[in-house]
């Protein structure tokens, strides 16, 4: 009686249940490939597109543009060079701050 239970718990025989060769490898990696494709379209591609647009916006900055920094400071570009931007941030013209160019987060339109 014990031997019947032991045979009942064994897997299927060597024929019919197993996939062999390249087909088995592709079938086993298919879920991982699908997950990577989903992550690419939902996470990687939109993030790289946003980074590209931000870089283009930074390259097109010019004197007089109204901008906002990542810290939430609103200002008008007074002077600009390769690495830094001088912003006029107060009501008076004598309040200016120097900010790294990469910390400009957005252009403001009509404010």
PDB file of N, CA and C in Angstrom:
ATOM      1  N   UNK A   1       0.815  -1.190   0.000  1.00  0.00           N
ATOM      2  CA  UNK A   1       0.000   0.000   0.000  1.00  0.00           C
ATOM      3  C   UNK A   1       0.864   1.261   0.000  1.00  0.00           C
ATOM      4  N   UNK A   2       1.949   1.259   0.727  1.00  0.00           N
ATOM      5  CA  UNK A   2       2.847   2.405   0.765  1.00  0.00           C
ATOM      6  C   UNK A   2       3.451   2.698  -0.602  1.00  0.00           C
ATOM      7  N   UNK A   3       3.753   1.682  -1.393  1.00  0.00           N
ATOM      8  CA  UNK A   3       4.332   1.874  -2.721  1.00  0.00           C
ATOM      9  C   UNK A   3       3.347   2.546  -3.672  1.00  0.00           C
ATOM     10  N   UNK A   4       2.074   2.301  -3.546  1.00  0.00           N
ATOM     11  CA  UNK A   4       1.074   2.951  -4.386  1.00  0.00           C
ATOM     12  C   UNK A   4       1.061   4.463  -4.139  1.00  0.00           C
ATOM     13  N   UNK A   5       1.201   4.859  -2.905  1.00  0.00           N
ATOM     14  CA  UNK A   5       1.223   6.286  -2.568  1.00  0.00           C
ATOM     15  C   UNK A   5       2.484   6.934  -3.134  1.00  0.00           C
ATOM     16  N   UNK A   6       3.624   6.269  -3.039  1.00  0.00           N
ATOM     17  CA  UNK A   6       4.883   6.807  -3.540  1.00  0.00           C
ATOM     18  C   UNK A   6       4.832   6.999  -5.046  1.00  0.00           C
ATOM     19  N   UNK A   7       4.266   6.059  -5.773  1.00  0.00           N
ATOM     20  CA  UNK A   7       4.139   6.225  -7.219  1.00  0.00           C
ATOM     21  C   UNK A   7       3.131   7.314  -7.581  1.00  0.00           C
ATOM     22  N   UNK A   8       2.105   7.496  -6.790  1.00  0.00           N
ATOM     23  CA  UNK A   8       1.088   8.498  -7.064  1.00  0.00           C
ATOM     24  C   UNK A   8       1.663   9.909  -6.915  1.00  0.00           C
ATOM     25  N   UNK A   9       2.690  10.082  -6.084  1.00  0.00           N
ATOM     26  CA  UNK A   9       3.266  11.399  -5.858  1.00  0.00           C
ATOM     27  C   UNK A   9       4.346  11.741  -6.884  1.00  0.00           C
ATOM     28  N   UNK A  10       4.756  10.815  -7.686  1.00  0.00           N
ATOM     29  CA  UNK A  10       5.787  11.063  -8.692  1.00  0.00           C
ATOM     30  C   UNK A  10       5.254  11.902  -9.829  1.00  0.00           C
ATOM     31  N   UNK A  11       6.163  12.540 -10.582  1.00  0.00           N
ATOM     32  CA  UNK A  11       5.781  13.375 -11.711  1.00  0.00           C
ATOM     33  C   UNK A  11       5.394  12.523 -12.903  1.00  0.00           C
ATOM     34  N   UNK A  12       5.010  13.163 -13.991  1.00  0.00           N
ATOM     35  CA  UNK A  12       4.641  12.410 -15.182  1.00  0.00           C
ATOM     36  C   UNK A  12       5.868  11.712 -15.766  1.00  0.00           C
ATOM     37  N   UNK A  13       5.624  10.775 -16.598  1.00  0.00           N
ATOM     38  CA  UNK A  13       6.707  10.016 -17.212  1.00  0.00           C
ATOM     39  C   UNK A  13       7.556  10.891 -18.116  1.00  0.00           C
ATOM     40  N   UNK A  14       8.604  10.310 -18.713  1.00  0.00           N
ATOM     41  CA  UNK A  14       9.550  11.048 -19.533  1.00  0.00           C
ATOM     42  C   UNK A  14       8.996  11.520 -20.859  1.00  0.00           C
ATOM     43  N   UNK A  15       7.836  11.109 -21.263  1.00  0.00           N
ATOM     44  CA  UNK A  15       7.300  11.529 -22.572  1.00  0.00           C
ATOM     45  C   UNK A  15       6.033  12.352 -22.385  1.00  0.00           C
ATOM     46  N   UNK A  16       5.849  13.305 -23.239  1.00  0.00           N
ATOM     47  CA  UNK A  16       4.594  14.049 -23.297  1.00  0.00           C
ATOM     48  C   UNK A  16       4.539  15.272 -22.407  1.00  0.00           C
ATOM     49  N   UNK A  17       5.128  15.313 -21.217  1.00  0.00           N
ATOM     50  CA  UNK A  17       4.978  16.425 -20.306  1.00  0.00           C
ATOM     51  C   UNK A  17       6.091  17.439 -20.366  1.00  0.00           C
ATOM     52  N   UNK A  18       7.192  17.151 -20.975  1.00  0.00           N
ATOM     53  CA  UNK A  18       8.343  18.046 -20.940  1.00  0.00           C
ATOM     54  C   UNK A  18       8.577  18.692 -22.301  1.00  0.00           C
ATOM     55  N   UNK A  19       9.017  19.950 -22.265  1.00  0.00           N
ATOM     56  CA  UNK A  19       9.423  20.607 -23.498  1.00  0.00           C
ATOM     57  C   UNK A  19      10.934  20.561 -23.551  1.00  0.00           C
ATOM     58  N   UNK A  20      11.455  20.332 -24.715  1.00  0.00           N
ATOM     59  CA  UNK A  20      12.893  20.172 -24.809  1.00  0.00           C
ATOM     60  C   UNK A  20      13.453  21.115 -25.854  1.00  0.00           C
ATOM     61  N   UNK A  21      14.748  21.421 -25.721  1.00  0.00           N
ATOM     62  CA  UNK A  21      15.448  22.218 -26.718  1.00  0.00           C
ATOM     63  C   UNK A  21      15.153  23.697 -26.608  1.00  0.00           C
ATOM     64  N   UNK A  22      15.262  24.387 -27.740  1.00  0.00           N
ATOM     65  CA  UNK A  22      15.089  25.846 -27.817  1.00  0.00           C
ATOM     66  C   UNK A  22      13.680  26.263 -27.417  1.00  0.00           C
ATOM     67  N   UNK A  23      12.684  25.500 -27.786  1.00  0.00           N
ATOM     68  CA  UNK A  23      11.300  25.836 -27.450  1.00  0.00           C
ATOM     69  C   UNK A  23      11.088  25.924 -25.952  1.00  0.00           C
ATOM     70  N   UNK A  24      11.708  25.042 -25.201  1.00  0.00           N
ATOM     71  CA  UNK A  24      11.583  25.064 -23.747  1.00  0.00           C
ATOM     72  C   UNK A  24      12.261  26.273 -23.131  1.00  0.00           C
ATOM     73  N   UNK A  25      13.399  26.653 -23.681  1.00  0.00           N
ATOM     74  CA  UNK A  25      14.122  27.815 -23.168  1.00  0.00           C
ATOM     75  C   UNK A  25      13.333  29.090 -23.444  1.00  0.00           C
ATOM     76  N   UNK A  26      12.822  29.239 -24.655  1.00  0.00           N
ATOM     77  CA  UNK A  26      12.042  30.428 -25.016  1.00  0.00           C
ATOM     78  C   UNK A  26      10.791  30.510 -24.167  1.00  0.00           C
ATOM     79  N   UNK A  27      10.119  29.388 -23.971  1.00  0.00           N
ATOM     80  CA  UNK A  27       8.903  29.376 -23.167  1.00  0.00           C
ATOM     81  C   UNK A  27       9.190  29.755 -21.720  1.00  0.00           C
ATOM     82  N   UNK A  28      10.324  29.326 -21.194  1.00  0.00           N
ATOM     83  CA  UNK A  28      10.627  29.657 -19.806  1.00  0.00           C
ATOM     84  C   UNK A  28      11.041  31.121 -19.642  1.00  0.00           C
ATOM     85  N   UNK A  29      11.640  31.755 -20.653  1.00  0.00           N
ATOM     86  CA  UNK A  29      12.043  33.153 -20.562  1.00  0.00           C
ATOM     87  C   UNK A  29      10.982  34.121 -21.078  1.00  0.00           C
ATOM     88  N   UNK A  30       9.922  33.638 -21.677  1.00  0.00           N
ATOM     89  CA  UNK A  30       8.887  34.505 -22.233  1.00  0.00           C
ATOM     90  C   UNK A  30       8.271  35.441 -21.189  1.00  0.00           C
ATOM     91  N   UNK A  31       7.930  34.987 -19.979  1.00  0.00           N
ATOM     92  CA  UNK A  31       7.387  35.936 -18.983  1.00  0.00           C
ATOM     93  C   UNK A  31       8.371  37.056 -18.629  1.00  0.00           C
ATOM     94  N   UNK A  32       9.659  36.744 -18.525  1.00  0.00           N
ATOM     95  CA  UNK A  32      10.653  37.773 -18.216  1.00  0.00           C
ATOM     96  C   UNK A  32      10.772  38.785 -19.346  1.00  0.00           C
ATOM     97  N   UNK A  33      10.729  38.314 -20.573  1.00  0.00           N
ATOM     98  CA  UNK A  33      10.798  39.206 -21.734  1.00  0.00           C
ATOM     99  C   UNK A  33       9.576  40.120 -21.762  1.00  0.00           C
ATOM    100  N   UNK A  34       8.400  39.574 -21.491  1.00  0.00           N
ATOM    101  CA  UNK A  34       7.178  40.395 -21.470  1.00  0.00           C
ATOM    102  C   UNK A  34       7.225  41.441 -20.363  1.00  0.00           C
ATOM    103  N   UNK A  35       7.729  41.083 -19.194  1.00  0.00           N
ATOM    104  CA  UNK A  35       7.844  42.045 -18.095  1.00  0.00           C
ATOM    105  C   UNK A  35       8.788  43.178 -18.480  1.00  0.00           C
ATOM    106  N   UNK A  36       9.923  42.847 -19.110  1.00  0.00           N
ATOM    107  CA  UNK A  36      10.857  43.890 -19.538  1.00  0.00           C
ATOM    108  C   UNK A  36      10.217  44.823 -20.560  1.00  0.00           C
ATOM    109  N   UNK A  37       9.475  44.273 -21.513  1.00  0.00           N
ATOM    110  CA  UNK A  37       8.811  45.107 -22.530  1.00  0.00           C
ATOM    111  C   UNK A  37       7.798  46.043 -21.867  1.00  0.00           C
ATOM    112  N   UNK A  38       7.037  45.538 -20.901  1.00  0.00           N
ATOM    113  CA  UNK A  38       6.060  46.372 -20.194  1.00  0.00           C
ATOM    114  C   UNK A  38       6.769  47.484 -19.426  1.00  0.00           C
ATOM    115  N   UNK A  39       7.844  47.152 -18.705  1.00  0.00           N
ATOM    116  CA  UNK A  39       8.598  48.169 -17.976  1.00  0.00           C
ATOM    117  C   UNK A  39       9.178  49.212 -18.923  1.00  0.00           C
ATOM    118  N   UNK A  40       9.642  48.788 -20.080  1.00  0.00           N
ATOM    119  CA  UNK A  40      10.203  49.738 -21.040  1.00  0.00           C
ATOM    120  C   UNK A  40       9.162  50.765 -21.454  1.00  0.00           C
ATOM    121  N   UNK A  41       7.969  50.319 -21.827  1.00  0.00           N
ATOM    122  CA  UNK A  41       6.956  51.243 -22.314  1.00  0.00           C
ATOM    123  C   UNK A  41       6.291  52.043 -21.210  1.00  0.00           C
ATOM    124  N   UNK A  42       6.245  51.534 -19.983  1.00  0.00           N
ATOM    125  CA  UNK A  42       5.588  52.254 -18.900  1.00  0.00           C
ATOM    126  C   UNK A  42       6.539  53.120 -18.073  1.00  0.00           C
ATOM    127  N   UNK A  43       7.815  52.755 -17.991  1.00  0.00           N
ATOM    128  CA  UNK A  43       8.740  53.487 -17.120  1.00  0.00           C
ATOM    129  C   UNK A  43       9.924  54.097 -17.845  1.00  0.00           C
ATOM    130  N   UNK A  44      10.663  53.307 -18.568  1.00  0.00           N
ATOM    131  CA  UNK A  44      11.936  53.757 -19.129  1.00  0.00           C
ATOM    132  C   UNK A  44      11.731  54.766 -20.254  1.00  0.00           C
ATOM    133  N   UNK A  45      10.875  54.466 -21.192  1.00  0.00           N
ATOM    134  CA  UNK A  45      10.671  55.349 -22.346  1.00  0.00           C
ATOM    135  C   UNK A  45      10.106  56.717 -21.952  1.00  0.00           C
ATOM    136  N   UNK A  46       9.047  56.787 -21.132  1.00  0.00           N
ATOM    137  CA  UNK A  46       8.545  58.116 -20.748  1.00  0.00           C
ATOM    138  C   UNK A  46       9.568  58.938 -19.955  1.00  0.00           C
ATOM    139  N   UNK A  47      10.342  58.278 -19.106  1.00  0.00           N
ATOM    140  CA  UNK A  47      11.335  58.990 -18.317  1.00  0.00           C
ATOM    141  C   UNK A  47      12.445  59.557 -19.202  1.00  0.00           C
ATOM    142  N   UNK A  48      12.908  58.787 -20.164  1.00  0.00           N
ATOM    143  CA  UNK A  48      13.954  59.296 -21.053  1.00  0.00           C
ATOM    144  C   UNK A  48      13.413  60.406 -21.961  1.00  0.00           C
ATOM    145  N   UNK A  49      12.154  60.319 -22.347  1.00  0.00           N
ATOM    146  CA  UNK A  49      11.542  61.365 -23.162  1.00  0.00           C
ATOM    147  C   UNK A  49      11.440  62.669 -22.368  1.00  0.00           C
ATOM    148  N   UNK A  50      11.049  62.565 -21.090  1.00  0.00           N
ATOM    149  CA  UNK A  50      10.951  63.748 -20.244  1.00  0.00           C
ATOM    150  C   UNK A  50      12.328  64.362 -20.017  1.00  0.00           C
ATOM    151  N   UNK A  51      13.351  63.541 -19.805  1.00  0.00           N
ATOM    152  CA  UNK A  51      14.709  64.046 -19.612  1.00  0.00           C
ATOM    153  C   UNK A  51      15.207  64.755 -20.871  1.00  0.00           C
ATOM    154  N   UNK A  52      14.881  64.226 -22.031  1.00  0.00           N
ATOM    155  CA  UNK A  52      15.280  64.844 -23.296  1.00  0.00           C
ATOM    156  C   UNK A  52      14.609  66.210 -23.468  1.00  0.00           C
ATOM    157  N   UNK A  53      13.318  66.307 -23.127  1.00  0.00           N
ATOM    158  CA  UNK A  53      12.607  67.581 -23.231  1.00  0.00           C
ATOM    159  C   UNK A  53      13.178  68.606 -22.250  1.00  0.00           C
ATOM    160  N   UNK A  54      13.544  68.173 -21.031  1.00  0.00           N
ATOM    161  CA  UNK A  54      14.116  69.084 -20.040  1.00  0.00           C
ATOM    162  C   UNK A  54      15.474  69.616 -20.519  1.00  0.00           C
ATOM    163  N   UNK A  55      16.291  68.738 -21.089  1.00  0.00           N
ATOM    164  CA  UNK A  55      17.596  69.159 -21.614  1.00  0.00           C
ATOM    165  C   UNK A  55      17.413  70.159 -22.749  1.00  0.00           C
ATOM    166  N   UNK A  56      16.452  69.925 -23.612  1.00  0.00           N
ATOM    167  CA  UNK A  56      16.183  70.848 -24.718  1.00  0.00           C
ATOM    168  C   UNK A  56      15.716  72.200 -24.181  1.00  0.00           C
ATOM    169  N   UNK A  57      14.888  72.185 -23.130  1.00  0.00           N
ATOM    170  CA  UNK A  57      14.421  73.429 -22.527  1.00  0.00           C
ATOM    171  C   UNK A  57      15.598  74.201 -21.927  1.00  0.00           C
ATOM    172  N   UNK A  58      16.523  73.488 -21.262  1.00  0.00           N
ATOM    173  CA  UNK A  58      17.695  74.154 -20.680  1.00  0.00           C
ATOM    174  C   UNK A  58      18.600  74.736 -21.761  1.00  0.00           C
ATOM    175  N   UNK A  59      18.723  74.055 -22.877  1.00  0.00           N
ATOM    176  CA  UNK A  59      19.560  74.548 -23.971  1.00  0.00           C
ATOM    177  C   UNK A  59      18.980  75.801 -24.631  1.00  0.00           C
ATOM    178  N   UNK A  60      17.656  75.969 -24.562  1.00  0.00           N
ATOM    179  CA  UNK A  60      16.995  77.089 -25.224  1.00  0.00           C
ATOM    180  C   UNK A  60      16.719  78.275 -24.293  1.00  0.00           C
ATOM    181  N   UNK A  61      17.245  78.254 -23.059  1.00  0.00           N
ATOM    182  CA  UNK A  61      17.032  79.377 -22.146  1.00  0.00           C
ATOM    183  C   UNK A  61      17.732  80.628 -22.678  1.00  0.00           C
ATOM    184  N   UNK A  62      17.102  81.780 -22.444  1.00  0.00           N
ATOM    185  CA  UNK A  62      17.697  83.043 -22.866  1.00  0.00           C
ATOM    186  C   UNK A  62      17.367  84.124 -21.845  1.00  0.00           C
ATOM    187  N   UNK A  63      18.082  85.207 -21.930  1.00  0.00           N
ATOM    188  CA  UNK A  63      17.887  86.327 -21.018  1.00  0.00           C
ATOM    189  C   UNK A  63      16.459  86.864 -21.140  1.00  0.00           C
ATOM    190  N   UNK A  64      15.813  87.094 -19.992  1.00  0.00           N
ATOM    191  CA  UNK A  64      14.446  87.610 -19.977  1.00  0.00           C
ATOM    192  C   UNK A  64      13.388  86.537 -19.799  1.00  0.00           C
ATOM    193  N   UNK A  65      13.744  85.258 -19.904  1.00  0.00           N
ATOM    194  CA  UNK A  65      12.769  84.182 -19.694  1.00  0.00           C
ATOM    195  C   UNK A  65      12.349  84.127 -18.231  1.00  0.00           C
ATOM    196  N   UNK A  66      11.075  83.871 -18.007  1.00  0.00           N
ATOM    197  CA  UNK A  66      10.566  83.683 -16.651  1.00  0.00           C
ATOM    198  C   UNK A  66      10.639  82.193 -16.343  1.00  0.00           C
ATOM    199  N   UNK A  67      11.289  81.844 -15.227  1.00  0.00           N
ATOM    200  CA  UNK A  67      11.528  80.438 -14.904  1.00  0.00           C
ATOM    201  C   UNK A  67      11.163  80.139 -13.455  1.00  0.00           C
ATOM    202  N   UNK A  68      11.107  78.846 -13.160  1.00  0.00           N
ATOM    203  CA  UNK A  68      10.923  78.368 -11.798  1.00  0.00           C
ATOM    204  C   UNK A  68      12.017  77.348 -11.526  1.00  0.00           C
ATOM    205  N   UNK A  69      12.633  77.409 -10.345  1.00  0.00           N
ATOM    206  CA  UNK A  69      13.672  76.450  -9.981  1.00  0.00           C
ATOM    207  C   UNK A  69      13.042  75.232  -9.318  1.00  0.00           C
ATOM    208  N   UNK A  70      13.851  74.186  -9.135  1.00  0.00           N
ATOM    209  CA  UNK A  70      13.336  72.988  -8.468  1.00  0.00           C
ATOM    210  C   UNK A  70      13.002  73.258  -7.009  1.00  0.00           C
ATOM    211  N   UNK A  71      13.578  74.295  -6.426  1.00  0.00           N
ATOM    212  CA  UNK A  71      13.262  74.669  -5.052  1.00  0.00           C
ATOM    213  C   UNK A  71      12.010  75.516  -4.940  1.00  0.00           C
ATOM    214  N   UNK A  72      11.406  75.887  -6.061  1.00  0.00           N
ATOM    215  CA  UNK A  72      10.170  76.657  -6.052  1.00  0.00           C
ATOM    216  C   UNK A  72      10.375  78.160  -6.122  1.00  0.00           C
ATOM    217  N   UNK A  73      11.575  78.608  -6.456  1.00  0.00           N
ATOM    218  CA  UNK A  73      11.855  80.042  -6.561  1.00  0.00           C
ATOM    219  C   UNK A  73      11.500  80.501  -7.975  1.00  0.00           C
ATOM    220  N   UNK A  74      10.673  81.557  -8.037  1.00  0.00           N
ATOM    221  CA  UNK A  74      10.299  82.144  -9.321  1.00  0.00           C
ATOM    222  C   UNK A  74      11.227  83.309  -9.610  1.00  0.00           C
ATOM    223  N   UNK A  75      11.643  83.436 -10.862  1.00  0.00           N
ATOM    224  CA  UNK A  75      12.517  84.538 -11.209  1.00  0.00           C
ATOM    225  C   UNK A  75      12.588  84.762 -12.702  1.00  0.00           C
ATOM    226  N   UNK A  76      13.296  85.832 -13.056  1.00  0.00           N
ATOM    227  CA  UNK A  76      13.520  86.194 -14.455  1.00  0.00           C
ATOM    228  C   UNK A  76      15.018  86.099 -14.699  1.00  0.00           C
ATOM    229  N   UNK A  77      15.407  85.490 -15.807  1.00  0.00           N
ATOM    230  CA  UNK A  77      16.826  85.313 -16.103  1.00  0.00           C
ATOM    231  C   UNK A  77      17.451  86.665 -16.416  1.00  0.00           C
ATOM    232  N   UNK A  78      18.447  87.014 -15.604  1.00  0.00           N
ATOM    233  CA  UNK A  78      19.181  88.268 -15.773  1.00  0.00           C
ATOM    234  C   UNK A  78      20.451  88.047 -16.596  1.00  0.00           C
ATOM    235  N   UNK A  79      21.149  86.942 -16.313  1.00  0.00           N
ATOM    236  CA  UNK A  79      22.387  86.619 -17.019  1.00  0.00           C
ATOM    237  C   UNK A  79      22.493  85.101 -17.077  1.00  0.00           C
ATOM    238  N   UNK A  80      23.129  84.583 -18.119  1.00  0.00           N
ATOM    239  CA  UNK A  80      23.208  83.140 -18.301  1.00  0.00           C
ATOM    240  C   UNK A  80      24.571  82.781 -18.885  1.00  0.00           C
ATOM    241  N   UNK A  81      25.149  81.696 -18.379  1.00  0.00           N
ATOM    242  CA  UNK A  81      26.367  81.160 -18.992  1.00  0.00           C
ATOM    243  C   UNK A  81      26.240  79.636 -19.067  1.00  0.00           C
ATOM    244  N   UNK A  82      27.344  78.948 -19.313  1.00  0.00           N
ATOM    245  CA  UNK A  82      27.286  77.504 -19.570  1.00  0.00           C
ATOM    246  C   UNK A  82      26.788  76.708 -18.370  1.00  0.00           C
ATOM    247  N   UNK A  83      27.141  77.118 -17.142  1.00  0.00           N
ATOM    248  CA  UNK A  83      26.794  76.320 -15.966  1.00  0.00           C
ATOM    249  C   UNK A  83      25.844  77.000 -14.999  1.00  0.00           C
ATOM    250  N   UNK A  84      25.726  78.304 -15.047  1.00  0.00           N
ATOM    251  CA  UNK A  84      24.945  79.017 -14.039  1.00  0.00           C
ATOM    252  C   UNK A  84      23.997  80.022 -14.685  1.00  0.00           C
ATOM    253  N   UNK A  85      22.989  80.393 -13.891  1.00  0.00           N
ATOM    254  CA  UNK A  85      21.999  81.371 -14.314  1.00  0.00           C
ATOM    255  C   UNK A  85      21.841  82.368 -13.166  1.00  0.00           C
ATOM    256  N   UNK A  86      21.830  83.647 -13.471  1.00  0.00           N
ATOM    257  CA  UNK A  86      21.553  84.669 -12.471  1.00  0.00           C
ATOM    258  C   UNK A  86      20.092  85.055 -12.635  1.00  0.00           C
ATOM    259  N   UNK A  87      19.320  84.901 -11.543  1.00  0.00           N
ATOM    260  CA  UNK A  87      17.889  85.192 -11.572  1.00  0.00           C
ATOM    261  C   UNK A  87      17.588  86.450 -10.771  1.00  0.00           C
ATOM    262  N   UNK A  88      16.718  87.278 -11.313  1.00  0.00           N
ATOM    263  CA  UNK A  88      16.177  88.425 -10.587  1.00  0.00           C
ATOM    264  C   UNK A  88      14.913  87.900  -9.910  1.00  0.00           C
ATOM    265  N   UNK A  89      14.884  87.918  -8.559  1.00  0.00           N
ATOM    266  CA  UNK A  89      13.801  87.227  -7.854  1.00  0.00           C
ATOM    267  C   UNK A  89      12.909  88.131  -7.032  1.00  0.00           C
ATOM    268  N   UNK A  90      13.236  89.374  -6.890  1.00  0.00           N
ATOM    269  CA  UNK A  90      12.429  90.236  -6.036  1.00  0.00           C
ATOM    270  C   UNK A  90      11.680  91.285  -6.815  1.00  0.00           C
ATOM    271  N   UNK A  91      10.921  92.063  -6.089  1.00  0.00           N
ATOM    272  CA  UNK A  91      10.212  93.185  -6.696  1.00  0.00           C
ATOM    273  C   UNK A  91      11.217  94.254  -7.118  1.00  0.00           C
ATOM    274  N   UNK A  92      12.213  94.442  -6.256  1.00  0.00           N
ATOM    275  CA  UNK A  92      13.281  95.380  -6.600  1.00  0.00           C
ATOM    276  C   UNK A  92      14.289  94.686  -7.504  1.00  0.00           C
ATOM    277  N   UNK A  93      14.980  95.454  -8.309  1.00  0.00           N
ATOM    278  CA  UNK A  93      15.953  94.894  -9.255  1.00  0.00           C
ATOM    279  C   UNK A  93      17.243  94.433  -8.590  1.00  0.00           C
ATOM    280  N   UNK A  94      17.472  94.792  -7.321  1.00  0.00           N
ATOM    281  CA  UNK A  94      18.745  94.463  -6.702  1.00  0.00           C
ATOM    282  C   UNK A  94      18.759  93.087  -6.022  1.00  0.00           C
ATOM    283  N   UNK A  95      17.673  92.335  -6.070  1.00  0.00           N
ATOM    284  CA  UNK A  95      17.635  91.001  -5.473  1.00  0.00           C
ATOM    285  C   UNK A  95      17.883  89.970  -6.578  1.00  0.00           C
ATOM    286  N   UNK A  96      19.097  89.433  -6.550  1.00  0.00           N
ATOM    287  CA  UNK A  96      19.484  88.464  -7.578  1.00  0.00           C
ATOM    288  C   UNK A  96      20.126  87.259  -6.902  1.00  0.00           C
ATOM    289  N   UNK A  97      19.912  86.077  -7.494  1.00  0.00           N
ATOM    290  CA  UNK A  97      20.561  84.867  -6.995  1.00  0.00           C
ATOM    291  C   UNK A  97      21.192  84.130  -8.171  1.00  0.00           C
ATOM    292  N   UNK A  98      22.257  83.419  -7.855  1.00  0.00           N
ATOM    293  CA  UNK A  98      22.934  82.621  -8.880  1.00  0.00           C
ATOM    294  C   UNK A  98      22.563  81.160  -8.641  1.00  0.00           C
ATOM    295  N   UNK A  99      22.075  80.493  -9.688  1.00  0.00           N
ATOM    296  CA  UNK A  99      21.569  79.119  -9.586  1.00  0.00           C
ATOM    297  C   UNK A  99      22.250  78.270 -10.656  1.00  0.00           C
ATOM    298  N   UNK A 100      22.555  77.036 -10.298  1.00  0.00           N
ATOM    299  CA  UNK A 100      23.077  76.099 -11.290  1.00  0.00           C
ATOM    300  C   UNK A 100      22.023  75.912 -12.378  1.00  0.00           C
ATOM    301  N   UNK A 101      22.451  75.886 -13.603  1.00  0.00           N
ATOM    302  CA  UNK A 101      21.533  75.811 -14.751  1.00  0.00           C
ATOM    303  C   UNK A 101      20.624  74.577 -14.700  1.00  0.00           C
ATOM    304  N   UNK A 102      21.133  73.459 -14.193  1.00  0.00           N
ATOM    305  CA  UNK A 102      20.334  72.229 -14.177  1.00  0.00           C
ATOM    306  C   UNK A 102      19.193  72.272 -13.163  1.00  0.00           C
ATOM    307  N   UNK A 103      19.201  73.273 -12.252  1.00  0.00           N
ATOM    308  CA  UNK A 103      18.134  73.380 -11.269  1.00  0.00           C
ATOM    309  C   UNK A 103      16.951  74.212 -11.750  1.00  0.00           C
ATOM    310  N   UNK A 104      16.978  74.660 -12.992  1.00  0.00           N
ATOM    311  CA  UNK A 104      15.799  75.286 -13.573  1.00  0.00           C
ATOM    312  C   UNK A 104      14.844  74.175 -13.964  1.00  0.00           C
ATOM    313  N   UNK A 105      13.639  74.199 -13.397  1.00  0.00           N
ATOM    314  CA  UNK A 105      12.718  73.096 -13.651  1.00  0.00           C
ATOM    315  C   UNK A 105      11.706  73.391 -14.743  1.00  0.00           C
ATOM    316  N   UNK A 106      11.306  74.666 -14.891  1.00  0.00           N
ATOM    317  CA  UNK A 106      10.265  74.935 -15.878  1.00  0.00           C
ATOM    318  C   UNK A 106      10.303  76.398 -16.304  1.00  0.00           C
ATOM    319  N   UNK A 107       9.795  76.628 -17.488  1.00  0.00           N
ATOM    320  CA  UNK A 107       9.552  77.986 -17.967  1.00  0.00           C
ATOM    321  C   UNK A 107       8.141  78.382 -17.537  1.00  0.00           C
ATOM    322  N   UNK A 108       7.983  79.640 -17.162  1.00  0.00           N
ATOM    323  CA  UNK A 108       6.663  80.144 -16.814  1.00  0.00           C
ATOM    324  C   UNK A 108       6.150  80.970 -17.988  1.00  0.00           C
ATOM    325  N   UNK A 109       4.909  80.783 -18.310  1.00  0.00           N
ATOM    326  CA  UNK A 109       4.312  81.517 -19.428  1.00  0.00           C
ATOM    327  C   UNK A 109       3.265  82.496 -18.902  1.00  0.00           C
ATOM    328  N   UNK A 110       3.454  83.768 -19.158  1.00  0.00           N
ATOM    329  CA  UNK A 110       2.448  84.778 -18.870  1.00  0.00           C
ATOM    330  C   UNK A 110       2.169  85.047 -17.423  1.00  0.00           C
ATOM    331  N   UNK A 111       3.026  84.687 -16.504  1.00  0.00           N
ATOM    332  CA  UNK A 111       2.771  85.003 -15.090  1.00  0.00           C
ATOM    333  C   UNK A 111       3.506  86.235 -14.703  1.00  0.00           C
TER     334      UNK A 111
END
